Amino acid sequence: MPRQLRHRSSSEIISTILEVTNGNRLRGREIQFKAYLPYNILKDYLIHLLECGLIEYIEGERKFKTTPKGMQALQTYNKMDEMFVKSH
């Protein structure tokens, strides 16, 4: 089963959102489609990520992008994911 279609943990969803907004400036709908999430769920995650300073909202463009803090969190998540996959 493709990764995006199975049940995902909160940390997997957060890493997916950070990944698709990393180096990109995307509108909510674009993030929704790339992250394979219903909009009502995405909205809650976007609010949480904004409050944590992991993404930022660019007002004039109405787009989101990953902050340097978000990029660090994504790198840490990917390293941990690699370690757990290798140990299985």
C-alpha atoms as a PDB file:
ATOM      1  CA  MET A   1       0.000   0.000   0.000  1.00  0.00           C
ATOM      2  CA  PRO A   2       1.434   3.433  -0.910  1.00  0.00           C
ATOM      3  CA  ARG A   3       2.756   5.322   2.099  1.00  0.00           C
ATOM      4  CA  GLN A   4       0.411   8.264   1.567  1.00  0.00           C
ATOM      5  CA  LEU A   5      -2.715   6.051   1.593  1.00  0.00           C
ATOM      6  CA  ARG A   6      -2.122   4.133   4.815  1.00  0.00           C
ATOM      7  CA  HIS A   7      -2.706   5.410   8.330  1.00  0.00           C
ATOM      8  CA  ARG A   8       0.007   7.915   9.271  1.00  0.00           C
ATOM      9  CA  SER A   9       1.149   9.134  12.646  1.00  0.00           C
ATOM     10  CA  SER A  10       1.095  12.831  13.513  1.00  0.00           C
ATOM     11  CA  SER A  11       4.866  13.004  13.142  1.00  0.00           C
ATOM     12  CA  GLU A  12       4.650  11.463   9.649  1.00  0.00           C
ATOM     13  CA  ILE A  13       1.993  13.993   8.624  1.00  0.00           C
ATOM     14  CA  ILE A  14       4.027  16.877  10.033  1.00  0.00           C
ATOM     15  CA  SER A  15       7.174  15.701   8.243  1.00  0.00           C
ATOM     16  CA  THR A  16       5.210  15.401   4.982  1.00  0.00           C
ATOM     17  CA  ILE A  17       3.912  18.970   5.301  1.00  0.00           C
ATOM     18  CA  LEU A  18       7.397  20.267   6.130  1.00  0.00           C
ATOM     19  CA  GLU A  19       8.807  18.309   3.187  1.00  0.00           C
ATOM     20  CA  VAL A  20       6.359  19.699   0.618  1.00  0.00           C
ATOM     21  CA  THR A  21       6.788  23.280   1.869  1.00  0.00           C
ATOM     22  CA  ASN A  22      10.582  22.978   2.102  1.00  0.00           C
ATOM     23  CA  GLY A  23      12.085  25.295  -0.505  1.00  0.00           C
ATOM     24  CA  ASN A  24       8.622  25.963  -1.909  1.00  0.00           C
ATOM     25  CA  ARG A  25       5.986  28.578  -1.341  1.00  0.00           C
ATOM     26  CA  LEU A  26       2.670  26.780  -1.546  1.00  0.00           C
ATOM     27  CA  ARG A  27      -0.970  27.638  -1.019  1.00  0.00           C
ATOM     28  CA  GLY A  28      -3.046  25.520   1.330  1.00  0.00           C
ATOM     29  CA  ARG A  29      -4.687  23.621  -1.541  1.00  0.00           C
ATOM     30  CA  GLU A  30      -1.318  22.703  -3.038  1.00  0.00           C
ATOM     31  CA  ILE A  31      -0.126  21.385   0.320  1.00  0.00           C
ATOM     32  CA  GLN A  32      -3.395  19.484   0.710  1.00  0.00           C
ATOM     33  CA  PHE A  33      -2.934  17.626  -2.585  1.00  0.00           C
ATOM     34  CA  LYS A  34       0.794  16.972  -2.212  1.00  0.00           C
ATOM     35  CA  ALA A  35       0.395  15.741   1.389  1.00  0.00           C
ATOM     36  CA  TYR A  36      -2.738  13.681   0.611  1.00  0.00           C
ATOM     37  CA  LEU A  37      -4.780  15.253   3.423  1.00  0.00           C
ATOM     38  CA  PRO A  38      -8.368  16.437   3.730  1.00  0.00           C
ATOM     39  CA  TYR A  39      -8.430  20.228   4.119  1.00  0.00           C
ATOM     40  CA  ASN A  40     -10.029  20.206   7.595  1.00  0.00           C
ATOM     41  CA  ILE A  41      -7.182  18.032   8.941  1.00  0.00           C
ATOM     42  CA  LEU A  42      -4.512  20.015   7.085  1.00  0.00           C
ATOM     43  CA  LYS A  43      -5.845  23.254   8.558  1.00  0.00           C
ATOM     44  CA  ASP A  44      -5.311  21.984  12.126  1.00  0.00           C
ATOM     45  CA  TYR A  45      -1.753  20.905  11.322  1.00  0.00           C
ATOM     46  CA  LEU A  46      -0.964  24.236   9.620  1.00  0.00           C
ATOM     47  CA  ILE A  47      -2.147  26.137  12.703  1.00  0.00           C
ATOM     48  CA  HIS A  48      -0.007  23.927  14.947  1.00  0.00           C
ATOM     49  CA  LEU A  49       3.072  24.273  12.719  1.00  0.00           C
ATOM     50  CA  LEU A  50       2.640  28.059  12.568  1.00  0.00           C
ATOM     51  CA  GLU A  51       2.359  28.261  16.367  1.00  0.00           C
ATOM     52  CA  CYS A  52       5.539  26.170  16.733  1.00  0.00           C
ATOM     53  CA  GLY A  53       7.428  28.340  14.248  1.00  0.00           C
ATOM     54  CA  LEU A  54       8.074  25.431  11.860  1.00  0.00           C
ATOM     55  CA  ILE A  55       6.338  27.068   8.900  1.00  0.00           C
ATOM     56  CA  GLU A  56       5.524  30.654   8.081  1.00  0.00           C
ATOM     57  CA  TYR A  57       2.659  32.283   6.221  1.00  0.00           C
ATOM     58  CA  ILE A  58       3.552  34.840   3.573  1.00  0.00           C
ATOM     59  CA  GLU A  59       0.636  37.262   3.813  1.00  0.00           C
ATOM     60  CA  GLY A  60       0.858  39.009   0.429  1.00  0.00           C
ATOM     61  CA  GLU A  61       1.221  35.739  -1.471  1.00  0.00           C
ATOM     62  CA  ARG A  62      -1.153  33.717   0.745  1.00  0.00           C
ATOM     63  CA  LYS A  63       1.416  30.917   0.770  1.00  0.00           C
ATOM     64  CA  PHE A  64       3.263  28.797   3.320  1.00  0.00           C
ATOM     65  CA  LYS A  65       6.924  27.843   3.522  1.00  0.00           C
ATOM     66  CA  THR A  66       9.141  25.921   5.922  1.00  0.00           C
ATOM     67  CA  THR A  67      11.217  28.056   8.310  1.00  0.00           C
ATOM     68  CA  PRO A  68      14.857  27.281   9.168  1.00  0.00           C
ATOM     69  CA  LYS A  69      13.563  25.796  12.446  1.00  0.00           C
ATOM     70  CA  GLY A  70      11.180  23.614  10.412  1.00  0.00           C
ATOM     71  CA  MET A  71      14.023  22.449   8.163  1.00  0.00           C
ATOM     72  CA  GLN A  72      16.022  21.446  11.251  1.00  0.00           C
ATOM     73  CA  ALA A  73      13.037  19.523  12.615  1.00  0.00           C
ATOM     74  CA  LEU A  74      12.606  17.767   9.260  1.00  0.00           C
ATOM     75  CA  GLN A  75      16.280  16.792   9.136  1.00  0.00           C
ATOM     76  CA  THR A  76      16.077  15.411  12.673  1.00  0.00           C
ATOM     77  CA  TYR A  77      12.923  13.451  11.840  1.00  0.00           C
ATOM     78  CA  ASN A  78      14.537  11.984   8.705  1.00  0.00           C
ATOM     79  CA  LYS A  79      17.658  10.916  10.648  1.00  0.00           C
ATOM     80  CA  MET A  80      15.527   9.224  13.293  1.00  0.00           C
ATOM     81  CA  ASP A  81      13.396   7.550  10.634  1.00  0.00           C
ATOM     82  CA  GLU A  82      16.559   6.227   8.941  1.00  0.00           C
ATOM     83  CA  MET A  83      17.865   4.835  12.231  1.00  0.00           C
ATOM     84  CA  PHE A  84      14.616   3.013  12.988  1.00  0.00           C
ATOM     85  CA  VAL A  85      14.279   1.612   9.467  1.00  0.00           C
ATOM     86  CA  LYS A  86      17.875   0.329   9.520  1.00  0.00           C
ATOM     87  CA  SER A  87      17.378  -1.333  12.905  1.00  0.00           C
ATOM     88  CA  HIS A  88      14.358  -3.342  11.713  1.00  0.00           C
END
